[in-house]
Amino acid sequence: MKPVELSVVINRPLEECFAYLTDLANDLEWRREWIEAEKTTDGPHGVGARYRLTGALLGRRIATEYATIAYEPNRLAAWKGRVGTVAAALLQGIRGRRRWHPGHDAL
């Protein structure tokens, strides 16, 4: 299966983009499949941080747990789901903007 590839240019400071995109609780603001999202561990974002994202399908609530498995501040973050799915996001600086490369099975 081919990996999912997407690239988005964001006209904001790198640190601001990274902080927003790597906090999975923010997914509610831009991903329609989730109806609830929360960080379930205390402390800063980084390797070991866990999140619970809940979606709805045919009237049933389906919760998915994600653990942060890679974290390079202002560059890369990756999460592994309970069922083995890996999602990653890479941020690159280009001419004062940020290019964001989200993907699945990217590591």
C-alpha atoms as a PDB file:
ATOM      1  CA  MET A   1       0.000   0.000   0.000  1.00  0.00           C
ATOM      2  CA  LYS A   2       1.284   3.460  -0.861  1.00  0.00           C
ATOM      3  CA  PRO A   3       1.837   5.820   2.079  1.00  0.00           C
ATOM      4  CA  VAL A   4      -0.427   8.835   2.464  1.00  0.00           C
ATOM      5  CA  GLU A   5       1.424  11.967   1.354  1.00  0.00           C
ATOM      6  CA  LEU A   6       0.330  15.554   1.883  1.00  0.00           C
ATOM      7  CA  SER A   7       2.142  18.845   2.166  1.00  0.00           C
ATOM      8  CA  VAL A   8       0.756  22.144   3.501  1.00  0.00           C
ATOM      9  CA  VAL A   9       2.520  25.515   3.696  1.00  0.00           C
ATOM     10  CA  ILE A  10       1.725  27.446   6.894  1.00  0.00           C
ATOM     11  CA  ASN A  11       2.616  31.125   7.148  1.00  0.00           C
ATOM     12  CA  ARG A  12       3.343  31.118  10.916  1.00  0.00           C
ATOM     13  CA  PRO A  13       6.497  30.825  13.106  1.00  0.00           C
ATOM     14  CA  LEU A  14       8.003  27.346  13.302  1.00  0.00           C
ATOM     15  CA  GLU A  15       7.657  27.025  17.087  1.00  0.00           C
ATOM     16  CA  GLU A  16       3.978  28.016  16.976  1.00  0.00           C
ATOM     17  CA  CYS A  17       3.212  25.529  14.188  1.00  0.00           C
ATOM     18  CA  PHE A  18       5.031  22.675  15.882  1.00  0.00           C
ATOM     19  CA  ALA A  19       3.386  23.263  19.271  1.00  0.00           C
ATOM     20  CA  TYR A  20      -0.086  23.340  17.702  1.00  0.00           C
ATOM     21  CA  LEU A  21       0.320  20.389  15.331  1.00  0.00           C
ATOM     22  CA  THR A  22       1.964  18.047  17.819  1.00  0.00           C
ATOM     23  CA  ASP A  23      -0.733  18.521  20.463  1.00  0.00           C
ATOM     24  CA  LEU A  24      -3.251  15.960  19.214  1.00  0.00           C
ATOM     25  CA  ALA A  25      -5.941  17.543  21.398  1.00  0.00           C
ATOM     26  CA  ASN A  26      -6.000  20.304  18.736  1.00  0.00           C
ATOM     27  CA  ASP A  27      -7.127  17.800  16.091  1.00  0.00           C
ATOM     28  CA  LEU A  28     -10.744  18.630  16.985  1.00  0.00           C
ATOM     29  CA  GLU A  29     -10.295  22.041  15.372  1.00  0.00           C
ATOM     30  CA  TRP A  30      -9.353  20.711  11.935  1.00  0.00           C
ATOM     31  CA  ARG A  31     -10.159  16.987  11.628  1.00  0.00           C
ATOM     32  CA  ARG A  32     -13.839  16.136  11.234  1.00  0.00           C
ATOM     33  CA  GLU A  33     -13.498  12.447  12.134  1.00  0.00           C
ATOM     34  CA  TRP A  34     -12.856  13.199  15.819  1.00  0.00           C
ATOM     35  CA  ILE A  35     -15.555  14.254  18.290  1.00  0.00           C
ATOM     36  CA  GLU A  36     -13.282  14.247  21.372  1.00  0.00           C
ATOM     37  CA  ALA A  37      -9.532  14.543  21.828  1.00  0.00           C
ATOM     38  CA  GLU A  38      -7.459  14.778  24.981  1.00  0.00           C
ATOM     39  CA  LYS A  39      -3.937  14.336  26.298  1.00  0.00           C
ATOM     40  CA  THR A  40      -4.097  11.565  28.902  1.00  0.00           C
ATOM     41  CA  THR A  41      -0.654  11.944  30.475  1.00  0.00           C
ATOM     42  CA  ASP A  42       0.779  14.725  32.606  1.00  0.00           C
ATOM     43  CA  GLY A  43       3.870  16.650  31.655  1.00  0.00           C
ATOM     44  CA  PRO A  44       5.158  18.093  28.408  1.00  0.00           C
ATOM     45  CA  HIS A  45       4.599  16.795  24.900  1.00  0.00           C
ATOM     46  CA  GLY A  46       7.307  14.409  23.821  1.00  0.00           C
ATOM     47  CA  VAL A  47       8.162  10.727  23.679  1.00  0.00           C
ATOM     48  CA  GLY A  48       5.815   8.835  25.986  1.00  0.00           C
ATOM     49  CA  ALA A  49       2.988  11.406  25.925  1.00  0.00           C
ATOM     50  CA  ARG A  50      -0.369   9.730  25.295  1.00  0.00           C
ATOM     51  CA  TYR A  51      -3.603  10.915  23.718  1.00  0.00           C
ATOM     52  CA  ARG A  52      -7.132   9.580  23.360  1.00  0.00           C
ATOM     53  CA  LEU A  53      -9.045  10.545  20.226  1.00  0.00           C
ATOM     54  CA  THR A  54     -12.681   9.498  19.903  1.00  0.00           C
ATOM     55  CA  GLY A  55     -14.674   9.272  16.708  1.00  0.00           C
ATOM     56  CA  ALA A  56     -18.218   8.204  15.921  1.00  0.00           C
ATOM     57  CA  LEU A  57     -19.330   5.675  13.343  1.00  0.00           C
ATOM     58  CA  LEU A  58     -22.908   4.539  12.848  1.00  0.00           C
ATOM     59  CA  GLY A  59     -23.883   5.980  16.222  1.00  0.00           C
ATOM     60  CA  ARG A  60     -21.070   4.238  18.117  1.00  0.00           C
ATOM     61  CA  ARG A  61     -18.194   5.994  19.832  1.00  0.00           C
ATOM     62  CA  ILE A  62     -14.787   4.594  18.974  1.00  0.00           C
ATOM     63  CA  ALA A  63     -11.793   5.667  21.073  1.00  0.00           C
ATOM     64  CA  THR A  64      -8.251   5.322  19.785  1.00  0.00           C
ATOM     65  CA  GLU A  65      -5.178   5.654  21.987  1.00  0.00           C
ATOM     66  CA  TYR A  66      -1.970   7.152  20.575  1.00  0.00           C
ATOM     67  CA  ALA A  67       1.495   7.234  22.152  1.00  0.00           C
ATOM     68  CA  THR A  68       4.219   9.641  21.024  1.00  0.00           C
ATOM     69  CA  ILE A  69       7.097   7.476  19.773  1.00  0.00           C
ATOM     70  CA  ALA A  70       9.373  10.120  18.227  1.00  0.00           C
ATOM     71  CA  TYR A  71       9.778  13.800  19.037  1.00  0.00           C
ATOM     72  CA  GLU A  72      12.364  16.242  17.711  1.00  0.00           C
ATOM     73  CA  PRO A  73      11.308  19.762  18.782  1.00  0.00           C
ATOM     74  CA  ASN A  74      10.367  22.037  15.892  1.00  0.00           C
ATOM     75  CA  ARG A  75      11.007  19.293  13.336  1.00  0.00           C
ATOM     76  CA  LEU A  76       9.353  15.874  13.747  1.00  0.00           C
ATOM     77  CA  ALA A  77       6.752  14.038  15.815  1.00  0.00           C
ATOM     78  CA  ALA A  78       5.325  10.529  15.409  1.00  0.00           C
ATOM     79  CA  TRP A  79       2.582   8.594  17.162  1.00  0.00           C
ATOM     80  CA  LYS A  80       1.688   4.930  17.302  1.00  0.00           C
ATOM     81  CA  GLY A  81      -1.902   3.823  17.736  1.00  0.00           C
ATOM     82  CA  ARG A  82      -3.072   0.858  19.762  1.00  0.00           C
ATOM     83  CA  VAL A  83      -3.602  -1.188  16.624  1.00  0.00           C
ATOM     84  CA  GLY A  84      -0.119  -0.468  15.295  1.00  0.00           C
ATOM     85  CA  THR A  85      -0.882   2.482  13.013  1.00  0.00           C
ATOM     86  CA  VAL A  86       1.976   4.976  12.861  1.00  0.00           C
ATOM     87  CA  ALA A  87       1.348   8.636  11.991  1.00  0.00           C
ATOM     88  CA  ALA A  88       4.094  11.222  11.650  1.00  0.00           C
ATOM     89  CA  ALA A  89       4.402  14.939  10.969  1.00  0.00           C
ATOM     90  CA  LEU A  90       7.520  16.681   9.668  1.00  0.00           C
ATOM     91  CA  LEU A  91       7.913  20.481   9.672  1.00  0.00           C
ATOM     92  CA  GLN A  92      10.431  22.231   7.422  1.00  0.00           C
ATOM     93  CA  GLY A  93      11.282  25.908   7.154  1.00  0.00           C
ATOM     94  CA  ILE A  94      11.071  27.400   3.662  1.00  0.00           C
ATOM     95  CA  ARG A  95      11.491  31.117   2.933  1.00  0.00           C
ATOM     96  CA  GLY A  96       9.978  32.240   6.245  1.00  0.00           C
ATOM     97  CA  ARG A  97       7.109  29.757   6.070  1.00  0.00           C
ATOM     98  CA  ARG A  98       6.625  26.233   7.362  1.00  0.00           C
ATOM     99  CA  ARG A  99       5.960  23.196   5.198  1.00  0.00           C
ATOM    100  CA  TRP A 100       4.111  20.460   7.043  1.00  0.00           C
ATOM    101  CA  HIS A 101       4.266  16.876   5.834  1.00  0.00           C
ATOM    102  CA  PRO A 102       1.762  14.696   7.720  1.00  0.00           C
ATOM    103  CA  GLY A 103       1.736  11.020   6.810  1.00  0.00           C
ATOM    104  CA  HIS A 104       1.031   7.470   7.892  1.00  0.00           C
ATOM    105  CA  ASP A 105       3.645   4.738   8.194  1.00  0.00           C
ATOM    106  CA  ALA A 106       6.230   7.463   7.659  1.00  0.00           C
ATOM    107  CA  LEU A 107       8.869   6.122  10.040  1.00  0.00           C
END
